[in-house]
Amino acid sequence: MKRFHVHISVDDLDANVRFYSTVFGEPPTVLKSDYAKWMLEDPRINFAMSKRGLKSGVDHLGLEVESETELASLRQQVAAAEIAALDQPNAECCYARSDKYWTNDPQGIAWETFHSLDSIPIFGHRSRPESTACYAGAPTVASESTKSGACCD
């Protein structure tokens, strides 16, 4: 089953945590000094925020899936439509290690599709040399696939 994902960049994490805790009727599932995340069932959403964006507002949207099979299926849809995508296996970002890929919609809004594998103790710590980090821009050609060195900075 898929879960809608929204990540916003904020200037004042504490004020936003108070606001969204009130809106959602519960505290964040994950709360760090620079990051907060709610894993809600009604509505089924992964809503995250951090103080790491270049500007405040919507950072990216996405879909979180529960299995590698679901991720592969969605990735095949993107490839069949010849939509440019950036694959990031074992990406470490936002206190999680995930297999993911990124696309941009026609307006340039970044979309992340991912399957979380594990939690990690640091926002974008690389514990393994083969790991990659967060989004650094989707490729402009459908066949491009690179590894990024940036992580939500």
Foldseek 3Di string as FASTA:
>chain_A
DKAKEWEWEDQDPVVVQVVVCVVLVHGFPDDDPFKTWHCDVVVRHTYMYGNLAPDTDTQAIEMEDADPVVQVVVLVVCVVVFFFKAWFAQAAAQQFTWTWMWGAPPVRGIYIYIYTDGGHDDGGDDPDPSHAYDDDDTDPGNPDYDGDNDHSD
